[in-house]
């Protein structure tokens, strides 16, 4: 999302919507939620891979869209997600990302 210009750093722990946010999020079926009380777009360090991921309301919207499209599935009894074949194809087509 950073490379695509959908988000851009906004301080040490936050992201802002970038210049290509509308097109990029539309390509993966995400309608960015309006800003609300919940933290909007936060840089959060993943506990397992030790890499930052998108958290907050925008991260939840991305996760919900990917779960609803069955691009990812939950691992029972875990917080982990598995990328499906449909997800690999969708991420390749929408973001140019190979998983």
C-alpha atoms as a PDB file:
ATOM      1  CA  UNK A   1       0.000   0.000   0.000  1.00  0.00           C
ATOM      2  CA  UNK A   2       2.949   2.295   0.667  1.00  0.00           C
ATOM      3  CA  UNK A   3       4.553   1.447  -2.678  1.00  0.00           C
ATOM      4  CA  UNK A   4       1.225   1.952  -4.467  1.00  0.00           C
ATOM      5  CA  UNK A   5       0.770   5.382  -2.871  1.00  0.00           C
ATOM      6  CA  UNK A   6      -2.438   4.372  -1.094  1.00  0.00           C
ATOM      7  CA  UNK A   7      -1.001   5.339   2.277  1.00  0.00           C
ATOM      8  CA  UNK A   8       1.921   7.479   3.316  1.00  0.00           C
ATOM      9  CA  UNK A   9       3.747   7.877   6.631  1.00  0.00           C
ATOM     10  CA  UNK A  10       2.223  10.493   8.915  1.00  0.00           C
ATOM     11  CA  UNK A  11       4.497  10.680  11.917  1.00  0.00           C
ATOM     12  CA  UNK A  12       6.191   7.779  13.668  1.00  0.00           C
ATOM     13  CA  UNK A  13       3.162   5.517  14.220  1.00  0.00           C
ATOM     14  CA  UNK A  14       0.475   6.689  11.811  1.00  0.00           C
ATOM     15  CA  UNK A  15      -0.382   6.643   8.142  1.00  0.00           C
ATOM     16  CA  UNK A  16      -2.385   9.100   6.058  1.00  0.00           C
ATOM     17  CA  UNK A  17      -4.282   8.348   2.875  1.00  0.00           C
ATOM     18  CA  UNK A  18      -1.979   8.808  -0.088  1.00  0.00           C
ATOM     19  CA  UNK A  19      -2.613  10.270  -3.548  1.00  0.00           C
ATOM     20  CA  UNK A  20      -3.702   6.962  -5.077  1.00  0.00           C
ATOM     21  CA  UNK A  21      -5.819   5.799  -2.107  1.00  0.00           C
ATOM     22  CA  UNK A  22      -9.131   5.833  -3.974  1.00  0.00           C
ATOM     23  CA  UNK A  23      -7.930   3.795  -6.942  1.00  0.00           C
ATOM     24  CA  UNK A  24      -5.807   1.382  -4.913  1.00  0.00           C
ATOM     25  CA  UNK A  25      -8.431   0.598  -2.293  1.00  0.00           C
ATOM     26  CA  UNK A  26     -11.126   0.266  -4.978  1.00  0.00           C
ATOM     27  CA  UNK A  27      -8.938  -2.248  -6.823  1.00  0.00           C
ATOM     28  CA  UNK A  28      -9.058  -4.561  -3.798  1.00  0.00           C
ATOM     29  CA  UNK A  29     -12.685  -3.851  -2.913  1.00  0.00           C
ATOM     30  CA  UNK A  30     -12.140  -1.621   0.119  1.00  0.00           C
ATOM     31  CA  UNK A  31     -14.145   1.500   0.826  1.00  0.00           C
ATOM     32  CA  UNK A  32     -12.010   3.491   3.304  1.00  0.00           C
ATOM     33  CA  UNK A  33     -14.193   4.319   6.305  1.00  0.00           C
ATOM     34  CA  UNK A  34     -14.706   7.937   7.308  1.00  0.00           C
ATOM     35  CA  UNK A  35     -12.506   9.119  10.191  1.00  0.00           C
ATOM     36  CA  UNK A  36     -14.151   8.450  13.556  1.00  0.00           C
ATOM     37  CA  UNK A  37     -13.174   8.097  17.184  1.00  0.00           C
ATOM     38  CA  UNK A  38     -11.174   4.920  16.566  1.00  0.00           C
ATOM     39  CA  UNK A  39      -7.558   5.357  15.512  1.00  0.00           C
ATOM     40  CA  UNK A  40      -7.713   5.571  11.725  1.00  0.00           C
ATOM     41  CA  UNK A  41      -4.496   4.232  10.177  1.00  0.00           C
ATOM     42  CA  UNK A  42      -1.809   3.083  12.576  1.00  0.00           C
ATOM     43  CA  UNK A  43       1.558   1.462  11.947  1.00  0.00           C
ATOM     44  CA  UNK A  44       1.591  -1.623  14.170  1.00  0.00           C
ATOM     45  CA  UNK A  45       4.470  -4.075  14.528  1.00  0.00           C
ATOM     46  CA  UNK A  46       3.353  -7.645  13.757  1.00  0.00           C
ATOM     47  CA  UNK A  47       4.257  -9.924  16.661  1.00  0.00           C
ATOM     48  CA  UNK A  48       5.158 -12.926  14.501  1.00  0.00           C
ATOM     49  CA  UNK A  49       6.916 -11.497  11.461  1.00  0.00           C
ATOM     50  CA  UNK A  50       8.312  -8.393  13.189  1.00  0.00           C
ATOM     51  CA  UNK A  51       7.187  -6.209  10.273  1.00  0.00           C
ATOM     52  CA  UNK A  52       4.749  -3.302  10.408  1.00  0.00           C
ATOM     53  CA  UNK A  53       1.166  -3.768   9.287  1.00  0.00           C
ATOM     54  CA  UNK A  54      -1.799  -1.443   8.860  1.00  0.00           C
ATOM     55  CA  UNK A  55      -3.989  -1.287  11.974  1.00  0.00           C
ATOM     56  CA  UNK A  56      -6.873   0.903  13.116  1.00  0.00           C
ATOM     57  CA  UNK A  57     -10.173   1.487  11.324  1.00  0.00           C
ATOM     58  CA  UNK A  58      -8.573   1.402   7.867  1.00  0.00           C
ATOM     59  CA  UNK A  59      -6.696  -1.817   8.619  1.00  0.00           C
ATOM     60  CA  UNK A  60      -9.929  -3.387   9.902  1.00  0.00           C
ATOM     61  CA  UNK A  61     -11.733  -2.351   6.696  1.00  0.00           C
ATOM     62  CA  UNK A  62      -9.006  -4.001   4.607  1.00  0.00           C
ATOM     63  CA  UNK A  63      -9.151  -7.176   6.726  1.00  0.00           C
ATOM     64  CA  UNK A  64     -12.968  -7.299   6.558  1.00  0.00           C
ATOM     65  CA  UNK A  65     -12.949  -6.884   2.777  1.00  0.00           C
ATOM     66  CA  UNK A  66     -10.377  -9.632   2.346  1.00  0.00           C
ATOM     67  CA  UNK A  67     -12.256 -11.980   4.673  1.00  0.00           C
ATOM     68  CA  UNK A  68     -15.585 -11.250   2.940  1.00  0.00           C
ATOM     69  CA  UNK A  69     -14.058 -11.927  -0.491  1.00  0.00           C
ATOM     70  CA  UNK A  70     -12.431 -15.067   0.930  1.00  0.00           C
ATOM     71  CA  UNK A  71      -9.013 -13.760  -0.054  1.00  0.00           C
ATOM     72  CA  UNK A  72      -7.873 -14.759   3.422  1.00  0.00           C
ATOM     73  CA  UNK A  73      -9.239 -17.241   5.940  1.00  0.00           C
ATOM     74  CA  UNK A  74      -8.749 -17.409   9.685  1.00  0.00           C
ATOM     75  CA  UNK A  75      -6.725 -20.180  11.313  1.00  0.00           C
ATOM     76  CA  UNK A  76      -8.954 -21.702  13.989  1.00  0.00           C
ATOM     77  CA  UNK A  77      -7.773 -20.932  17.503  1.00  0.00           C
ATOM     78  CA  UNK A  78      -5.288 -18.334  16.264  1.00  0.00           C
ATOM     79  CA  UNK A  79      -5.053 -14.728  15.116  1.00  0.00           C
ATOM     80  CA  UNK A  80      -3.271 -15.924  11.980  1.00  0.00           C
ATOM     81  CA  UNK A  81      -4.698 -15.596   8.476  1.00  0.00           C
ATOM     82  CA  UNK A  82      -3.984 -17.718   5.409  1.00  0.00           C
ATOM     83  CA  UNK A  83      -3.994 -16.177   1.940  1.00  0.00           C
ATOM     84  CA  UNK A  84      -6.163 -18.237  -0.441  1.00  0.00           C
ATOM     85  CA  UNK A  85      -5.623 -18.822  -4.155  1.00  0.00           C
ATOM     86  CA  UNK A  86      -8.347 -16.222  -4.812  1.00  0.00           C
ATOM     87  CA  UNK A  87      -6.468 -13.828  -2.543  1.00  0.00           C
ATOM     88  CA  UNK A  88      -3.208 -14.380  -4.371  1.00  0.00           C
ATOM     89  CA  UNK A  89      -4.936 -13.632  -7.676  1.00  0.00           C
ATOM     90  CA  UNK A  90      -6.771 -10.595  -6.262  1.00  0.00           C
ATOM     91  CA  UNK A  91      -3.670  -9.096  -4.670  1.00  0.00           C
ATOM     92  CA  UNK A  92      -1.691  -9.674  -7.845  1.00  0.00           C
ATOM     93  CA  UNK A  93      -4.366  -8.011  -9.978  1.00  0.00           C
ATOM     94  CA  UNK A  94      -5.251  -5.204  -7.560  1.00  0.00           C
ATOM     95  CA  UNK A  95      -1.891  -4.302  -6.060  1.00  0.00           C
ATOM     96  CA  UNK A  96       0.693  -6.074  -8.197  1.00  0.00           C
ATOM     97  CA  UNK A  97       1.751  -8.037  -5.115  1.00  0.00           C
ATOM     98  CA  UNK A  98       2.952 -11.637  -5.305  1.00  0.00           C
ATOM     99  CA  UNK A  99       2.149 -13.651  -2.180  1.00  0.00           C
END
